Each structure stands twice: as structure tokens, then as C-alpha cells.
PDB file of all heavy atoms in Angstrom:
ATOM      1  N   PRO A   1     -18.447   3.811 -13.010  1.00  0.00           N
ATOM      2  CA  PRO A   1     -18.490   2.845 -11.902  1.00  0.00           C
ATOM      3  C   PRO A   1     -17.619   1.626 -12.184  1.00  0.00           C
ATOM      4  O   PRO A   1     -17.400   1.241 -13.338  1.00  0.00           O
ATOM      5  CB  PRO A   1     -19.973   2.452 -11.814  1.00  0.00           C
ATOM      6  CG  PRO A   1     -20.706   3.561 -12.500  1.00  0.00           C
ATOM      7  CD  PRO A   1     -19.783   4.075 -13.561  1.00  0.00           C
ATOM      8  N   ALA A   2     -17.164   1.004 -11.105  1.00  0.00           N
ATOM      9  CA  ALA A   2     -16.264  -0.143 -11.229  1.00  0.00           C
ATOM     10  C   ALA A   2     -16.906  -1.290 -11.997  1.00  0.00           C
ATOM     11  O   ALA A   2     -16.240  -1.966 -12.797  1.00  0.00           O
ATOM     12  CB  ALA A   2     -15.836  -0.606  -9.838  1.00  0.00           C
ATOM     13  N   TRP A   3     -18.212  -1.530 -11.776  1.00  0.00           N
ATOM     14  CA  TRP A   3     -18.844  -2.670 -12.438  1.00  0.00           C
ATOM     15  C   TRP A   3     -18.899  -2.475 -13.953  1.00  0.00           C
ATOM     16  O   TRP A   3     -18.815  -3.449 -14.722  1.00  0.00           O
ATOM     17  CB  TRP A   3     -20.247  -2.911 -11.873  1.00  0.00           C
ATOM     18  CG  TRP A   3     -21.277  -1.885 -12.245  1.00  0.00           C
ATOM     19  CD1 TRP A   3     -21.619  -0.761 -11.564  1.00  0.00           C
ATOM     20  CD2 TRP A   3     -22.108  -1.905 -13.429  1.00  0.00           C
ATOM     21  NE1 TRP A   3     -22.597  -0.071 -12.230  1.00  0.00           N
ATOM     22  CE2 TRP A   3     -22.928  -0.753 -13.375  1.00  0.00           C
ATOM     23  CE3 TRP A   3     -22.228  -2.769 -14.508  1.00  0.00           C
ATOM     24  CZ2 TRP A   3     -23.852  -0.455 -14.361  1.00  0.00           C
ATOM     25  CZ3 TRP A   3     -23.156  -2.475 -15.502  1.00  0.00           C
ATOM     26  CH2 TRP A   3     -23.957  -1.335 -15.419  1.00  0.00           C
ATOM     27  N   VAL A   4     -19.018  -1.221 -14.398  1.00  0.00           N
ATOM     28  CA  VAL A   4     -19.035  -0.960 -15.839  1.00  0.00           C
ATOM     29  C   VAL A   4     -17.653  -1.237 -16.437  1.00  0.00           C
ATOM     30  O   VAL A   4     -17.534  -1.863 -17.497  1.00  0.00           O
ATOM     31  CB  VAL A   4     -19.470   0.493 -16.117  1.00  0.00           C
ATOM     32  CG1 VAL A   4     -19.352   0.817 -17.607  1.00  0.00           C
ATOM     33  CG2 VAL A   4     -20.896   0.724 -15.631  1.00  0.00           C
ATOM     34  N   ILE A   5     -16.603  -0.765 -15.764  1.00  0.00           N
ATOM     35  CA  ILE A   5     -15.236  -1.012 -16.243  1.00  0.00           C
ATOM     36  C   ILE A   5     -14.972  -2.510 -16.342  1.00  0.00           C
ATOM     37  O   ILE A   5     -14.433  -3.008 -17.337  1.00  0.00           O
ATOM     38  CB  ILE A   5     -14.213  -0.354 -15.299  1.00  0.00           C
ATOM     39  CG1 ILE A   5     -14.398   1.173 -15.282  1.00  0.00           C
ATOM     40  CG2 ILE A   5     -12.795  -0.709 -15.719  1.00  0.00           C
ATOM     41  CD1 ILE A   5     -14.075   1.851 -16.581  1.00  0.00           C
ATOM     42  N   ALA A   6     -15.348  -3.254 -15.294  1.00  0.00           N
ATOM     43  CA  ALA A   6     -15.121  -4.697 -15.286  1.00  0.00           C
ATOM     44  C   ALA A   6     -15.891  -5.380 -16.412  1.00  0.00           C
ATOM     45  O   ALA A   6     -15.341  -6.238 -17.123  1.00  0.00           O
ATOM     46  CB  ALA A   6     -15.523  -5.284 -13.935  1.00  0.00           C
ATOM     47  N   ALA A   7     -17.154  -5.004 -16.597  1.00  0.00           N
ATOM     48  CA  ALA A   7     -17.967  -5.636 -17.636  1.00  0.00           C
ATOM     49  C   ALA A   7     -17.392  -5.371 -19.024  1.00  0.00           C
ATOM     50  O   ALA A   7     -17.335  -6.275 -19.873  1.00  0.00           O
ATOM     51  CB  ALA A   7     -19.410  -5.127 -17.545  1.00  0.00           C
ATOM     52  N   VAL A   8     -16.936  -4.144 -19.257  1.00  0.00           N
ATOM     53  CA  VAL A   8     -16.394  -3.794 -20.569  1.00  0.00           C
ATOM     54  C   VAL A   8     -15.086  -4.542 -20.832  1.00  0.00           C
ATOM     55  O   VAL A   8     -14.890  -5.127 -21.916  1.00  0.00           O
ATOM     56  CB  VAL A   8     -16.175  -2.274 -20.666  1.00  0.00           C
ATOM     57  CG1 VAL A   8     -15.364  -1.922 -21.915  1.00  0.00           C
ATOM     58  CG2 VAL A   8     -17.514  -1.550 -20.689  1.00  0.00           C
ATOM     59  N   LEU A   9     -14.179  -4.547 -19.865  1.00  0.00           N
ATOM     60  CA  LEU A   9     -12.883  -5.200 -20.075  1.00  0.00           C
ATOM     61  C   LEU A   9     -13.044  -6.709 -20.257  1.00  0.00           C
ATOM     62  O   LEU A   9     -12.402  -7.307 -21.125  1.00  0.00           O
ATOM     63  CB  LEU A   9     -11.953  -4.904 -18.899  1.00  0.00           C
ATOM     64  CG  LEU A   9     -11.463  -3.454 -18.785  1.00  0.00           C
ATOM     65  CD1 LEU A   9     -10.492  -3.309 -17.617  1.00  0.00           C
ATOM     66  CD2 LEU A   9     -10.793  -3.007 -20.080  1.00  0.00           C
ATOM     67  N   VAL A  10     -13.888  -7.329 -19.434  1.00  0.00           N
ATOM     68  CA  VAL A  10     -14.110  -8.767 -19.578  1.00  0.00           C
ATOM     69  C   VAL A  10     -14.761  -9.068 -20.922  1.00  0.00           C
ATOM     70  O   VAL A  10     -14.360 -10.001 -21.638  1.00  0.00           O
ATOM     71  CB  VAL A  10     -14.979  -9.303 -18.422  1.00  0.00           C
ATOM     72  CG1 VAL A  10     -15.399 -10.745 -18.693  1.00  0.00           C
ATOM     73  CG2 VAL A  10     -14.220  -9.228 -17.110  1.00  0.00           C
ATOM     74  N   GLY A  11     -15.766  -8.273 -21.297  1.00  0.00           N
ATOM     75  CA  GLY A  11     -16.446  -8.494 -22.569  1.00  0.00           C
ATOM     76  C   GLY A  11     -15.511  -8.372 -23.757  1.00  0.00           C
ATOM     77  O   GLY A  11     -15.524  -9.213 -24.667  1.00  0.00           O
ATOM     78  N   ILE A  12     -14.679  -7.329 -23.765  1.00  0.00           N
ATOM     79  CA  ILE A  12     -13.739  -7.135 -24.875  1.00  0.00           C
ATOM     80  C   ILE A  12     -12.742  -8.290 -24.948  1.00  0.00           C
ATOM     81  O   ILE A  12     -12.441  -8.811 -26.033  1.00  0.00           O
ATOM     82  CB  ILE A  12     -13.005  -5.792 -24.719  1.00  0.00           C
ATOM     83  CG1 ILE A  12     -13.971  -4.632 -24.965  1.00  0.00           C
ATOM     84  CG2 ILE A  12     -11.823  -5.700 -25.683  1.00  0.00           C
ATOM     85  CD1 ILE A  12     -13.373  -3.266 -24.727  1.00  0.00           C
ATOM     86  N   ASP A  13     -12.234  -8.712 -23.795  1.00  0.00           N
ATOM     87  CA  ASP A  13     -11.259  -9.792 -23.779  1.00  0.00           C
ATOM     88  C   ASP A  13     -11.865 -11.098 -24.295  1.00  0.00           C
ATOM     89  O   ASP A  13     -11.236 -11.822 -25.080  1.00  0.00           O
ATOM     90  CB  ASP A  13     -10.719  -9.975 -22.360  1.00  0.00           C
ATOM     91  CG  ASP A  13      -9.207 -10.076 -22.325  1.00  0.00           C
ATOM     92  OD1 ASP A  13      -8.571  -9.574 -23.272  1.00  0.00           O
ATOM     93  OD2 ASP A  13      -8.665 -10.653 -21.376  1.00  0.00           O
ATOM     94  N   LEU A  14     -13.084 -11.411 -23.861  1.00  0.00           N
ATOM     95  CA  LEU A  14     -13.720 -12.650 -24.300  1.00  0.00           C
ATOM     96  C   LEU A  14     -14.032 -12.610 -25.794  1.00  0.00           C
ATOM     97  O   LEU A  14     -13.869 -13.613 -26.505  1.00  0.00           O
ATOM     98  CB  LEU A  14     -15.001 -12.898 -23.496  1.00  0.00           C
ATOM     99  CG  LEU A  14     -14.814 -13.114 -21.995  1.00  0.00           C
ATOM    100  CD1 LEU A  14     -16.136 -13.473 -21.332  1.00  0.00           C
ATOM    101  CD2 LEU A  14     -13.774 -14.199 -21.705  1.00  0.00           C
ATOM    102  N   LEU A  15     -14.470 -11.456 -26.301  1.00  0.00           N
ATOM    103  CA  LEU A  15     -14.725 -11.336 -27.733  1.00  0.00           C
ATOM    104  C   LEU A  15     -13.435 -11.501 -28.541  1.00  0.00           C
ATOM    105  O   LEU A  15     -13.434 -12.125 -29.612  1.00  0.00           O
ATOM    106  CB  LEU A  15     -15.371  -9.985 -28.034  1.00  0.00           C
ATOM    107  CG  LEU A  15     -16.821  -9.801 -27.549  1.00  0.00           C
ATOM    108  CD1 LEU A  15     -17.279  -8.378 -27.790  1.00  0.00           C
ATOM    109  CD2 LEU A  15     -17.748 -10.789 -28.240  1.00  0.00           C
ATOM    110  N   ARG A  16     -12.344 -10.933 -28.025  1.00  0.00           N
ATOM    111  CA  ARG A  16     -11.045 -11.074 -28.725  1.00  0.00           C
ATOM    112  C   ARG A  16     -10.618 -12.527 -28.799  1.00  0.00           C
ATOM    113  O   ARG A  16     -10.188 -13.015 -29.857  1.00  0.00           O
ATOM    114  CB  ARG A  16      -9.984 -10.246 -27.991  1.00  0.00           C
ATOM    115  CG  ARG A  16      -8.571 -10.421 -28.541  1.00  0.00           C
ATOM    116  CD  ARG A  16      -7.580  -9.603 -27.736  1.00  0.00           C
ATOM    117  NE  ARG A  16      -7.529 -10.024 -26.343  1.00  0.00           N
ATOM    118  CZ  ARG A  16      -6.795 -11.063 -25.905  1.00  0.00           C
ATOM    119  NH1 ARG A  16      -6.089 -11.790 -26.775  1.00  0.00           N
ATOM    120  NH2 ARG A  16      -6.774 -11.366 -24.627  1.00  0.00           N
ATOM    121  N   LEU A  17     -10.751 -13.249 -27.687  1.00  0.00           N
ATOM    122  CA  LEU A  17     -10.344 -14.651 -27.664  1.00  0.00           C
ATOM    123  C   LEU A  17     -11.245 -15.509 -28.537  1.00  0.00           C
ATOM    124  O   LEU A  17     -10.776 -16.456 -29.191  1.00  0.00           O
ATOM    125  CB  LEU A  17     -10.347 -15.161 -26.220  1.00  0.00           C
ATOM    126  CG  LEU A  17      -9.298 -14.524 -25.301  1.00  0.00           C
ATOM    127  CD1 LEU A  17      -9.514 -14.950 -23.855  1.00  0.00           C
ATOM    128  CD2 LEU A  17      -7.889 -14.891 -25.747  1.00  0.00           C
ATOM    129  N   LEU A  18     -12.530 -15.182 -28.567  1.00  0.00           N
ATOM    130  CA  LEU A  18     -13.434 -15.904 -29.465  1.00  0.00           C
ATOM    131  C   LEU A  18     -13.052 -15.663 -30.921  1.00  0.00           C
ATOM    132  O   LEU A  18     -13.034 -16.578 -31.740  1.00  0.00           O
ATOM    133  CB  LEU A  18     -14.877 -15.471 -29.213  1.00  0.00           C
ATOM    134  CG  LEU A  18     -15.613 -16.127 -28.046  1.00  0.00           C
ATOM    135  CD1 LEU A  18     -16.970 -15.457 -27.832  1.00  0.00           C
ATOM    136  CD2 LEU A  18     -15.791 -17.625 -28.287  1.00  0.00           C
ATOM    137  N   GLY A  19     -12.766 -14.410 -31.258  1.00  0.00           N
ATOM    138  CA  GLY A  19     -12.377 -14.086 -32.620  1.00  0.00           C
ATOM    139  C   GLY A  19     -11.088 -14.762 -33.039  1.00  0.00           C
ATOM    140  O   GLY A  19     -10.934 -15.158 -34.207  1.00  0.00           O
ATOM    141  N   ASP A  20     -10.167 -14.905 -32.100  1.00  0.00           N
ATOM    142  CA  ASP A  20      -8.891 -15.565 -32.396  1.00  0.00           C
ATOM    143  C   ASP A  20      -9.002 -17.085 -32.353  1.00  0.00           C
ATOM    144  O   ASP A  20      -8.005 -17.781 -32.606  1.00  0.00           O
ATOM    145  CB  ASP A  20      -7.826 -15.118 -31.393  1.00  0.00           C
ATOM    146  CG  ASP A  20      -7.460 -13.656 -31.545  1.00  0.00           C
ATOM    147  OD1 ASP A  20      -7.743 -13.085 -32.620  1.00  0.00           O
ATOM    148  OD2 ASP A  20      -6.895 -13.081 -30.590  1.00  0.00           O
ATOM    149  N   ARG A  21     -10.203 -17.593 -31.991  1.00  0.00           N
ATOM    150  CA  ARG A  21     -10.425 -19.033 -31.822  1.00  0.00           C
ATOM    151  C   ARG A  21      -9.439 -19.630 -30.814  1.00  0.00           C
ATOM    152  O   ARG A  21      -9.029 -20.783 -30.926  1.00  0.00           O
ATOM    153  CB  ARG A  21     -10.318 -19.765 -33.164  1.00  0.00           C
ATOM    154  CG  ARG A  21     -11.281 -19.248 -34.225  1.00  0.00           C
ATOM    155  CD  ARG A  21     -12.733 -19.429 -33.802  1.00  0.00           C
ATOM    156  NE  ARG A  21     -13.661 -19.050 -34.849  1.00  0.00           N
ATOM    157  CZ  ARG A  21     -14.284 -17.866 -34.918  1.00  0.00           C
ATOM    158  NH1 ARG A  21     -14.027 -16.927 -33.990  1.00  0.00           N
ATOM    159  NH2 ARG A  21     -15.128 -17.609 -35.885  1.00  0.00           N
ATOM    160  N   ALA A  22      -9.090 -18.812 -29.821  1.00  0.00           N
ATOM    161  CA  ALA A  22      -8.183 -19.268 -28.752  1.00  0.00           C
ATOM    162  C   ALA A  22      -9.030 -19.833 -27.615  1.00  0.00           C
ATOM    163  O   ALA A  22      -9.141 -19.246 -26.537  1.00  0.00           O
ATOM    164  CB  ALA A  22      -7.307 -18.111 -28.276  1.00  0.00           C
ATOM    165  N   TYR A  23      -9.642 -20.981 -27.863  1.00  0.00           N
ATOM    166  CA  TYR A  23     -10.615 -21.525 -26.925  1.00  0.00           C
ATOM    167  C   TYR A  23      -9.975 -21.955 -25.611  1.00  0.00           C
ATOM    168  O   TYR A  23     -10.601 -21.878 -24.552  1.00  0.00           O
ATOM    169  CB  TYR A  23     -11.350 -22.691 -27.569  1.00  0.00           C
ATOM    170  CG  TYR A  23     -12.114 -22.299 -28.816  1.00  0.00           C
ATOM    171  CD1 TYR A  23     -11.795 -22.851 -30.059  1.00  0.00           C
ATOM    172  CD2 TYR A  23     -13.136 -21.357 -28.753  1.00  0.00           C
ATOM    173  CE1 TYR A  23     -12.484 -22.484 -31.204  1.00  0.00           C
ATOM    174  CE2 TYR A  23     -13.831 -20.976 -29.900  1.00  0.00           C
ATOM    175  CZ  TYR A  23     -13.498 -21.548 -31.118  1.00  0.00           C
ATOM    176  OH  TYR A  23     -14.186 -21.159 -32.250  1.00  0.00           O
ATOM    177  N   GLY A  24      -8.749 -22.420 -25.667  1.00  0.00           N
ATOM    178  CA  GLY A  24      -8.066 -22.825 -24.440  1.00  0.00           C
ATOM    179  C   GLY A  24      -7.849 -21.637 -23.504  1.00  0.00           C
ATOM    180  O   GLY A  24      -8.126 -21.718 -22.298  1.00  0.00           O
ATOM    181  N   ILE A  25      -7.366 -20.524 -24.045  1.00  0.00           N
ATOM    182  CA  ILE A  25      -7.117 -19.341 -23.228  1.00  0.00           C
ATOM    183  C   ILE A  25      -8.436 -18.704 -22.805  1.00  0.00           C
ATOM    184  O   ILE A  25      -8.533 -18.117 -21.709  1.00  0.00           O
ATOM    185  CB  ILE A  25      -6.246 -18.333 -24.005  1.00  0.00           C
ATOM    186  CG1 ILE A  25      -5.001 -19.036 -24.552  1.00  0.00           C
ATOM    187  CG2 ILE A  25      -5.838 -17.180 -23.104  1.00  0.00           C
ATOM    188  CD1 ILE A  25      -4.212 -19.799 -23.502  1.00  0.00           C
ATOM    189  N   LEU A  26      -9.469 -18.819 -23.643  1.00  0.00           N
ATOM    190  CA  LEU A  26     -10.795 -18.339 -23.264  1.00  0.00           C
ATOM    191  C   LEU A  26     -11.300 -19.091 -22.035  1.00  0.00           C
ATOM    192  O   LEU A  26     -11.782 -18.484 -21.064  1.00  0.00           O
ATOM    193  CB  LEU A  26     -11.767 -18.527 -24.424  1.00  0.00           C
ATOM    194  CG  LEU A  26     -13.243 -18.203 -24.152  1.00  0.00           C
ATOM    195  CD1 LEU A  26     -13.425 -16.723 -23.854  1.00  0.00           C
ATOM    196  CD2 LEU A  26     -14.107 -18.626 -25.333  1.00  0.00           C
ATOM    197  N   LEU A  27     -11.157 -20.419 -22.057  1.00  0.00           N
ATOM    198  CA  LEU A  27     -11.564 -21.225 -20.908  1.00  0.00           C
ATOM    199  C   LEU A  27     -10.714 -20.897 -19.686  1.00  0.00           C
ATOM    200  O   LEU A  27     -11.216 -20.854 -18.560  1.00  0.00           O
ATOM    201  CB  LEU A  27     -11.445 -22.717 -21.250  1.00  0.00           C
ATOM    202  CG  LEU A  27     -11.823 -23.710 -20.148  1.00  0.00           C
ATOM    203  CD1 LEU A  27     -13.269 -23.518 -19.723  1.00  0.00           C
ATOM    204  CD2 LEU A  27     -11.583 -25.139 -20.622  1.00  0.00           C
ATOM    205  N   LEU A  28      -9.422 -20.624 -19.919  1.00  0.00           N
ATOM    206  CA  LEU A  28      -8.531 -20.266 -18.816  1.00  0.00           C
ATOM    207  C   LEU A  28      -8.996 -18.974 -18.143  1.00  0.00           C
ATOM    208  O   LEU A  28      -9.069 -18.897 -16.908  1.00  0.00           O
ATOM    209  CB  LEU A  28      -7.105 -20.107 -19.329  1.00  0.00           C
ATOM    210  CG  LEU A  28      -6.063 -19.647 -18.296  1.00  0.00           C
ATOM    211  CD1 LEU A  28      -5.762 -20.761 -17.306  1.00  0.00           C
ATOM    212  CD2 LEU A  28      -4.781 -19.178 -18.975  1.00  0.00           C
ATOM    213  N   GLU A  29      -9.323 -17.960 -18.931  1.00  0.00           N
ATOM    214  CA  GLU A  29      -9.735 -16.678 -18.349  1.00  0.00           C
ATOM    215  C   GLU A  29     -11.056 -16.820 -17.590  1.00  0.00           C
ATOM    216  O   GLU A  29     -11.208 -16.247 -16.500  1.00  0.00           O
ATOM    217  CB  GLU A  29      -9.864 -15.612 -19.429  1.00  0.00           C
ATOM    218  CG  GLU A  29     -10.243 -14.254 -18.880  1.00  0.00           C
ATOM    219  CD  GLU A  29      -9.894 -13.112 -19.823  1.00  0.00           C
ATOM    220  OE1 GLU A  29      -8.848 -13.206 -20.504  1.00  0.00           O
ATOM    221  OE2 GLU A  29     -10.657 -12.138 -19.872  1.00  0.00           O
ATOM    222  N   ILE A  30     -11.999 -17.551 -18.152  1.00  0.00           N
ATOM    223  CA  ILE A  30     -13.261 -17.774 -17.441  1.00  0.00           C
ATOM    224  C   ILE A  30     -13.001 -18.498 -16.126  1.00  0.00           C
ATOM    225  O   ILE A  30     -13.573 -18.166 -15.082  1.00  0.00           O
ATOM    226  CB  ILE A  30     -14.239 -18.574 -18.321  1.00  0.00           C
ATOM    227  CG1 ILE A  30     -14.646 -17.733 -19.534  1.00  0.00           C
ATOM    228  CG2 ILE A  30     -15.470 -18.992 -17.518  1.00  0.00           C
ATOM    229  CD1 ILE A  30     -15.489 -18.480 -20.543  1.00  0.00           C
ATOM    230  N   GLY A  31     -12.105 -19.489 -16.161  1.00  0.00           N
ATOM    231  CA  GLY A  31     -11.762 -20.220 -14.942  1.00  0.00           C
ATOM    232  C   GLY A  31     -11.115 -19.329 -13.899  1.00  0.00           C
ATOM    233  O   GLY A  31     -11.394 -19.453 -12.702  1.00  0.00           O
ATOM    234  N   VAL A  32     -10.236 -18.429 -14.339  1.00  0.00           N
ATOM    235  CA  VAL A  32      -9.586 -17.494 -13.412  1.00  0.00           C
ATOM    236  C   VAL A  32     -10.634 -16.623 -12.724  1.00  0.00           C
ATOM    237  O   VAL A  32     -10.573 -16.402 -11.503  1.00  0.00           O
ATOM    238  CB  VAL A  32      -8.557 -16.624 -14.168  1.00  0.00           C
ATOM    239  CG1 VAL A  32      -8.120 -15.447 -13.309  1.00  0.00           C
ATOM    240  CG2 VAL A  32      -7.344 -17.457 -14.549  1.00  0.00           C
ATOM    241  N   ILE A  33     -11.606 -16.139 -13.476  1.00  0.00           N
ATOM    242  CA  ILE A  33     -12.651 -15.288 -12.896  1.00  0.00           C
ATOM    243  C   ILE A  33     -13.484 -16.071 -11.892  1.00  0.00           C
ATOM    244  O   ILE A  33     -13.782 -15.588 -10.790  1.00  0.00           O
ATOM    245  CB  ILE A  33     -13.537 -14.699 -14.005  1.00  0.00           C
ATOM    246  CG1 ILE A  33     -12.723 -13.733 -14.873  1.00  0.00           C
ATOM    247  CG2 ILE A  33     -14.752 -13.996 -13.417  1.00  0.00           C
ATOM    248  CD1 ILE A  33     -13.457 -13.224 -16.097  1.00  0.00           C
ATOM    249  N   VAL A  34     -13.860 -17.298 -12.236  1.00  0.00           N
ATOM    250  CA  VAL A  34     -14.676 -18.124 -11.336  1.00  0.00           C
ATOM    251  C   VAL A  34     -13.928 -18.418 -10.042  1.00  0.00           C
ATOM    252  O   VAL A  34     -14.472 -18.275  -8.941  1.00  0.00           O
ATOM    253  CB  VAL A  34     -15.095 -19.428 -12.039  1.00  0.00           C
ATOM    254  CG1 VAL A  34     -15.744 -20.393 -11.039  1.00  0.00           C
ATOM    255  CG2 VAL A  34     -16.047 -19.140 -13.185  1.00  0.00           C
ATOM    256  N   VAL A  35     -12.669 -18.830 -10.156  1.00  0.00           N
ATOM    257  CA  VAL A  35     -11.875 -19.130  -8.960  1.00  0.00           C
ATOM    258  C   VAL A  35     -11.683 -17.875  -8.115  1.00  0.00           C
ATOM    259  O   VAL A  35     -11.730 -17.926  -6.881  1.00  0.00           O
ATOM    260  CB  VAL A  35     -10.512 -19.735  -9.358  1.00  0.00           C
ATOM    261  CG1 VAL A  35      -9.610 -19.880  -8.137  1.00  0.00           C
ATOM    262  CG2 VAL A  35     -10.708 -21.095 -10.013  1.00  0.00           C
ATOM    263  N   ALA A  36     -11.469 -16.724  -8.768  1.00  0.00           N
ATOM    264  CA  ALA A  36     -11.304 -15.464  -8.035  1.00  0.00           C
ATOM    265  C   ALA A  36     -12.548 -15.136  -7.217  1.00  0.00           C
ATOM    266  O   ALA A  36     -12.453 -14.764  -6.037  1.00  0.00           O
ATOM    267  CB  ALA A  36     -10.992 -14.325  -9.002  1.00  0.00           C
ATOM    268  N   VAL A  37     -13.721 -15.283  -7.818  1.00  0.00           N
ATOM    269  CA  VAL A  37     -14.971 -14.946  -7.128  1.00  0.00           C
ATOM    270  C   VAL A  37     -15.232 -15.919  -5.981  1.00  0.00           C
ATOM    271  O   VAL A  37     -15.558 -15.508  -4.858  1.00  0.00           O
ATOM    272  CB  VAL A  37     -16.145 -14.942  -8.127  1.00  0.00           C
ATOM    273  CG1 VAL A  37     -17.478 -14.819  -7.395  1.00  0.00           C
ATOM    274  CG2 VAL A  37     -15.987 -13.804  -9.124  1.00  0.00           C
ATOM    275  N   VAL A  38     -15.091 -17.215  -6.246  1.00  0.00           N
ATOM    276  CA  VAL A  38     -15.334 -18.209  -5.192  1.00  0.00           C
ATOM    277  C   VAL A  38     -14.316 -18.057  -4.066  1.00  0.00           C
ATOM    278  O   VAL A  38     -14.658 -18.092  -2.878  1.00  0.00           O
ATOM    279  CB  VAL A  38     -15.288 -19.638  -5.778  1.00  0.00           C
ATOM    280  CG1 VAL A  38     -15.394 -20.678  -4.666  1.00  0.00           C
ATOM    281  CG2 VAL A  38     -16.421 -19.837  -6.776  1.00  0.00           C
ATOM    282  N   GLY A  39     -13.042 -17.869  -4.425  1.00  0.00           N
ATOM    283  CA  GLY A  39     -12.014 -17.702  -3.408  1.00  0.00           C
ATOM    284  C   GLY A  39     -12.231 -16.458  -2.563  1.00  0.00           C
ATOM    285  O   GLY A  39     -12.060 -16.484  -1.339  1.00  0.00           O
ATOM    286  N   ALA A  40     -12.615 -15.361  -3.201  1.00  0.00           N
ATOM    287  CA  ALA A  40     -12.894 -14.126  -2.450  1.00  0.00           C
ATOM    288  C   ALA A  40     -14.055 -14.325  -1.493  1.00  0.00           C
ATOM    289  O   ALA A  40     -14.038 -13.819  -0.366  1.00  0.00           O
ATOM    290  CB  ALA A  40     -13.187 -12.980  -3.422  1.00  0.00           C
ATOM    291  N   ARG A  41     -15.066 -15.081  -1.930  1.00  0.00           N
ATOM    292  CA  ARG A  41     -16.207 -15.345  -1.044  1.00  0.00           C
ATOM    293  C   ARG A  41     -15.781 -16.178   0.155  1.00  0.00           C
ATOM    294  O   ARG A  41     -16.208 -15.927   1.288  1.00  0.00           O
ATOM    295  CB  ARG A  41     -17.316 -16.061  -1.824  1.00  0.00           C
ATOM    296  CG  ARG A  41     -18.578 -16.298  -0.992  1.00  0.00           C
ATOM    297  CD  ARG A  41     -19.277 -14.990  -0.692  1.00  0.00           C
ATOM    298  NE  ARG A  41     -20.388 -15.168   0.227  1.00  0.00           N
ATOM    299  CZ  ARG A  41     -20.318 -15.055   1.545  1.00  0.00           C
ATOM    300  NH1 ARG A  41     -19.158 -14.730   2.115  1.00  0.00           N
ATOM    301  NH2 ARG A  41     -21.373 -15.229   2.309  1.00  0.00           N
ATOM    302  N   VAL A  42     -14.935 -17.173  -0.072  1.00  0.00           N
ATOM    303  CA  VAL A  42     -14.438 -18.008   1.026  1.00  0.00           C
ATOM    304  C   VAL A  42     -13.655 -17.170   2.023  1.00  0.00           C
ATOM    305  O   VAL A  42     -13.734 -17.390   3.242  1.00  0.00           O
ATOM    306  CB  VAL A  42     -13.564 -19.150   0.471  1.00  0.00           C
ATOM    307  CG1 VAL A  42     -12.839 -19.884   1.604  1.00  0.00           C
ATOM    308  CG2 VAL A  42     -14.410 -20.138  -0.322  1.00  0.00           C
ATOM    309  N   PHE A  43     -12.920 -16.180   1.540  1.00  0.00           N
ATOM    310  CA  PHE A  43     -12.084 -15.350   2.401  1.00  0.00           C
ATOM    311  C   PHE A  43     -12.832 -14.147   2.973  1.00  0.00           C
ATOM    312  O   PHE A  43     -12.215 -13.236   3.512  1.00  0.00           O
ATOM    313  CB  PHE A  43     -10.854 -14.876   1.636  1.00  0.00           C
ATOM    314  CG  PHE A  43      -9.864 -15.973   1.367  1.00  0.00           C
ATOM    315  CD1 PHE A  43      -9.052 -15.936   0.246  1.00  0.00           C
ATOM    316  CD2 PHE A  43      -9.747 -17.055   2.222  1.00  0.00           C
ATOM    317  CE1 PHE A  43      -8.132 -16.937  -0.013  1.00  0.00           C
ATOM    318  CE2 PHE A  43      -8.843 -18.063   1.972  1.00  0.00           C
ATOM    319  CZ  PHE A  43      -8.030 -18.012   0.858  1.00  0.00           C
TER     320      PHE A  43
END
């Protein structure tokens, strides 16, 4: 299912960024997801 694919890819990406201590890019990716969800709801 699509929700499983999304959960796995997001989880792996966030774990990778945490491991790399790339906190700026981690915050960027979380922000992209939040804006995407809110924007899609508005539209």
C-alpha cells in the first residue's frame, strides 16, 4: 500500500539525516512535508 511505502521512505530518510547530524536538512525535509500536506488540503 502507498501509506506503507511513504512511511518507510520518510522513516529511512529521517534516520539517515539524524545519523549524519544534518539537522538543518532534517528540518528542511520535515518542513517540506508539512507545507505539502497543508497546501494540498488548501487546494
